[in-house]
Amino acid sequence: MDQTTMIMALVPIFLIQLALMIFALVDLVKNPNPNGPKWMWGIVIVVINLIGPILYLVIGRKNY
């Protein structure tokens, strides 16, 4: 597999990760009281790539 093919294969994964991170951060800002402190969820979303936003959406988000 050459370098161009590998980059083209990783672009969709990067875009999905970026979209999830943006969506989770916007939801965190709008959420008045998530499960746990907002600063902690912000760190989890930004530092733990791809899994962090999913963890927030599944565990940290309250149904409001």
N, C-alpha and C. Protein backbone atom coordinates (compact mmCIF):
# COMPACT_ATOMS: atom_id res chain seq x y z
N MET A 1 0.85 -1.17 0.00
CA MET A 1 0.00 0.00 0.00
C MET A 1 0.90 1.24 0.00
N ASP A 2 0.68 2.11 -0.95
CA ASP A 2 1.52 3.30 -1.01
C ASP A 2 0.98 4.40 -0.08
N GLN A 3 1.75 5.45 0.04
CA GLN A 3 1.45 6.51 1.01
C GLN A 3 0.15 7.24 0.67
N THR A 4 -0.12 7.49 -0.59
CA THR A 4 -1.34 8.19 -0.98
C THR A 4 -2.59 7.38 -0.64
N THR A 5 -2.54 6.09 -0.87
CA THR A 5 -3.68 5.23 -0.55
C THR A 5 -3.93 5.20 0.95
N MET A 6 -2.86 5.15 1.72
CA MET A 6 -3.01 5.12 3.18
C MET A 6 -3.61 6.43 3.69
N ILE A 7 -3.16 7.55 3.14
CA ILE A 7 -3.71 8.84 3.55
C ILE A 7 -5.19 8.93 3.18
N MET A 8 -5.53 8.48 2.00
CA MET A 8 -6.94 8.51 1.57
C MET A 8 -7.81 7.59 2.43
N ALA A 9 -7.24 6.53 2.97
CA ALA A 9 -7.99 5.64 3.84
C ALA A 9 -8.18 6.25 5.23
N LEU A 10 -7.25 7.09 5.67
CA LEU A 10 -7.33 7.67 7.01
C LEU A 10 -8.15 8.96 7.06
N VAL A 11 -8.37 9.61 5.93
CA VAL A 11 -9.12 10.87 5.91
C VAL A 11 -10.54 10.71 6.45
N PRO A 12 -11.31 9.69 6.05
CA PRO A 12 -12.67 9.55 6.62
C PRO A 12 -12.66 9.32 8.12
N ILE A 13 -11.69 8.56 8.63
CA ILE A 13 -11.61 8.32 10.06
C ILE A 13 -11.31 9.62 10.80
N PHE A 14 -10.41 10.42 10.25
CA PHE A 14 -10.09 11.71 10.86
C PHE A 14 -11.31 12.63 10.86
N LEU A 15 -12.07 12.65 9.77
CA LEU A 15 -13.25 13.52 9.70
C LEU A 15 -14.33 13.07 10.67
N ILE A 16 -14.52 11.77 10.82
CA ILE A 16 -15.50 11.25 11.78
C ILE A 16 -15.08 11.62 13.20
N GLN A 17 -13.79 11.47 13.50
CA GLN A 17 -13.28 11.82 14.82
C GLN A 17 -13.49 13.30 15.10
N LEU A 18 -13.18 14.15 14.14
CA LEU A 18 -13.33 15.59 14.31
C LEU A 18 -14.80 15.98 14.51
N ALA A 19 -15.69 15.38 13.72
CA ALA A 19 -17.11 15.68 13.84
C ALA A 19 -17.65 15.24 15.20
N LEU A 20 -17.25 14.05 15.65
CA LEU A 20 -17.70 13.58 16.97
C LEU A 20 -17.20 14.49 18.08
N MET A 21 -15.94 14.93 17.98
CA MET A 21 -15.38 15.80 19.01
C MET A 21 -16.12 17.13 19.05
N ILE A 22 -16.37 17.72 17.90
CA ILE A 22 -17.08 19.00 17.86
C ILE A 22 -18.49 18.84 18.40
N PHE A 23 -19.19 17.79 17.98
CA PHE A 23 -20.56 17.57 18.46
C PHE A 23 -20.59 17.38 19.97
N ALA A 24 -19.65 16.58 20.51
CA ALA A 24 -19.62 16.32 21.95
C ALA A 24 -19.29 17.59 22.72
N LEU A 25 -18.35 18.39 22.23
CA LEU A 25 -18.00 19.63 22.93
C LEU A 25 -19.15 20.64 22.92
N VAL A 26 -19.84 20.75 21.79
CA VAL A 26 -20.99 21.66 21.72
C VAL A 26 -22.09 21.18 22.66
N ASP A 27 -22.33 19.88 22.69
CA ASP A 27 -23.35 19.33 23.59
C ASP A 27 -22.95 19.55 25.05
N LEU A 28 -21.66 19.40 25.35
CA LEU A 28 -21.19 19.62 26.72
C LEU A 28 -21.41 21.06 27.15
N VAL A 29 -21.16 22.01 26.26
CA VAL A 29 -21.35 23.43 26.59
C VAL A 29 -22.84 23.73 26.81
N LYS A 30 -23.70 23.13 26.02
CA LYS A 30 -25.14 23.39 26.13
C LYS A 30 -25.79 22.62 27.28
N ASN A 31 -25.18 21.54 27.73
CA ASN A 31 -25.75 20.69 28.78
C ASN A 31 -25.58 21.38 30.14
N PRO A 32 -26.69 21.70 30.83
CA PRO A 32 -26.57 22.41 32.11
C PRO A 32 -25.96 21.57 33.23
N ASN A 33 -26.19 20.27 33.23
CA ASN A 33 -25.64 19.44 34.31
C ASN A 33 -25.37 18.02 33.80
N PRO A 34 -24.17 17.79 33.28
CA PRO A 34 -23.80 16.43 32.85
C PRO A 34 -23.47 15.55 34.04
N ASN A 35 -23.30 14.27 33.80
CA ASN A 35 -22.87 13.34 34.86
C ASN A 35 -21.39 13.57 35.13
N GLY A 36 -21.08 14.34 36.13
CA GLY A 36 -19.70 14.66 36.46
C GLY A 36 -19.37 16.10 36.09
N PRO A 37 -18.19 16.56 36.48
CA PRO A 37 -17.81 17.95 36.20
C PRO A 37 -17.54 18.18 34.71
N LYS A 38 -17.91 19.37 34.24
CA LYS A 38 -17.72 19.69 32.83
C LYS A 38 -16.26 19.69 32.43
N TRP A 39 -15.37 20.17 33.31
CA TRP A 39 -13.96 20.23 32.96
C TRP A 39 -13.40 18.83 32.72
N MET A 40 -13.87 17.85 33.50
CA MET A 40 -13.40 16.48 33.33
C MET A 40 -13.84 15.93 31.97
N TRP A 41 -15.12 16.16 31.62
CA TRP A 41 -15.61 15.66 30.34
C TRP A 41 -14.93 16.37 29.17
N GLY A 42 -14.61 17.64 29.35
CA GLY A 42 -13.89 18.35 28.31
C GLY A 42 -12.53 17.73 28.04
N ILE A 43 -11.82 17.37 29.11
CA ILE A 43 -10.52 16.72 28.96
C ILE A 43 -10.68 15.35 28.31
N VAL A 44 -11.67 14.59 28.75
CA VAL A 44 -11.89 13.25 28.18
C VAL A 44 -12.19 13.35 26.69
N ILE A 45 -13.03 14.30 26.30
CA ILE A 45 -13.42 14.45 24.89
C ILE A 45 -12.21 14.82 24.04
N VAL A 46 -11.38 15.72 24.52
CA VAL A 46 -10.27 16.22 23.70
C VAL A 46 -9.07 15.27 23.72
N VAL A 47 -8.75 14.68 24.88
CA VAL A 47 -7.52 13.91 25.00
C VAL A 47 -7.68 12.47 24.49
N ILE A 48 -8.79 11.84 24.81
CA ILE A 48 -8.98 10.44 24.41
C ILE A 48 -9.67 10.44 23.04
N ASN A 49 -8.87 10.34 22.00
CA ASN A 49 -9.38 10.42 20.63
C ASN A 49 -10.40 9.34 20.33
N LEU A 50 -11.41 9.69 19.61
CA LEU A 50 -12.49 8.84 19.11
C LEU A 50 -13.30 8.16 20.21
N ILE A 51 -12.66 7.65 21.25
CA ILE A 51 -13.38 6.99 22.34
C ILE A 51 -13.94 8.02 23.32
N GLY A 52 -13.23 9.13 23.55
CA GLY A 52 -13.67 10.15 24.49
C GLY A 52 -15.04 10.73 24.19
N PRO A 53 -15.28 11.19 22.94
CA PRO A 53 -16.61 11.70 22.62
C PRO A 53 -17.71 10.64 22.75
N ILE A 54 -17.39 9.41 22.39
CA ILE A 54 -18.38 8.33 22.51
C ILE A 54 -18.67 8.06 23.98
N LEU A 55 -17.64 8.05 24.83
CA LEU A 55 -17.86 7.88 26.27
C LEU A 55 -18.76 8.98 26.82
N TYR A 56 -18.48 10.22 26.42
CA TYR A 56 -19.32 11.32 26.90
C TYR A 56 -20.77 11.14 26.46
N LEU A 57 -20.97 10.82 25.20
CA LEU A 57 -22.34 10.70 24.69
C LEU A 57 -23.10 9.54 25.33
N VAL A 58 -22.39 8.49 25.72
CA VAL A 58 -23.05 7.33 26.33
C VAL A 58 -23.18 7.48 27.84
N ILE A 59 -22.13 7.92 28.52
CA ILE A 59 -22.11 7.95 29.99
C ILE A 59 -22.34 9.35 30.56
N GLY A 60 -21.71 10.35 29.99
CA GLY A 60 -21.70 11.67 30.60
C GLY A 60 -22.92 12.52 30.33
N ARG A 61 -23.68 12.15 29.37
CA ARG A 61 -24.83 12.96 28.98
C ARG A 61 -26.07 12.52 29.75
N LYS A 62 -26.76 13.46 30.32
CA LYS A 62 -28.05 13.15 30.95
C LYS A 62 -29.15 13.45 29.94
N ASN A 63 -30.22 12.72 30.03
CA ASN A 63 -31.37 13.00 29.16
C ASN A 63 -32.10 14.22 29.70
N TYR A 64 -32.02 15.30 29.00
CA TYR A 64 -32.65 16.53 29.44
C TYR A 64 -33.63 17.05 28.44
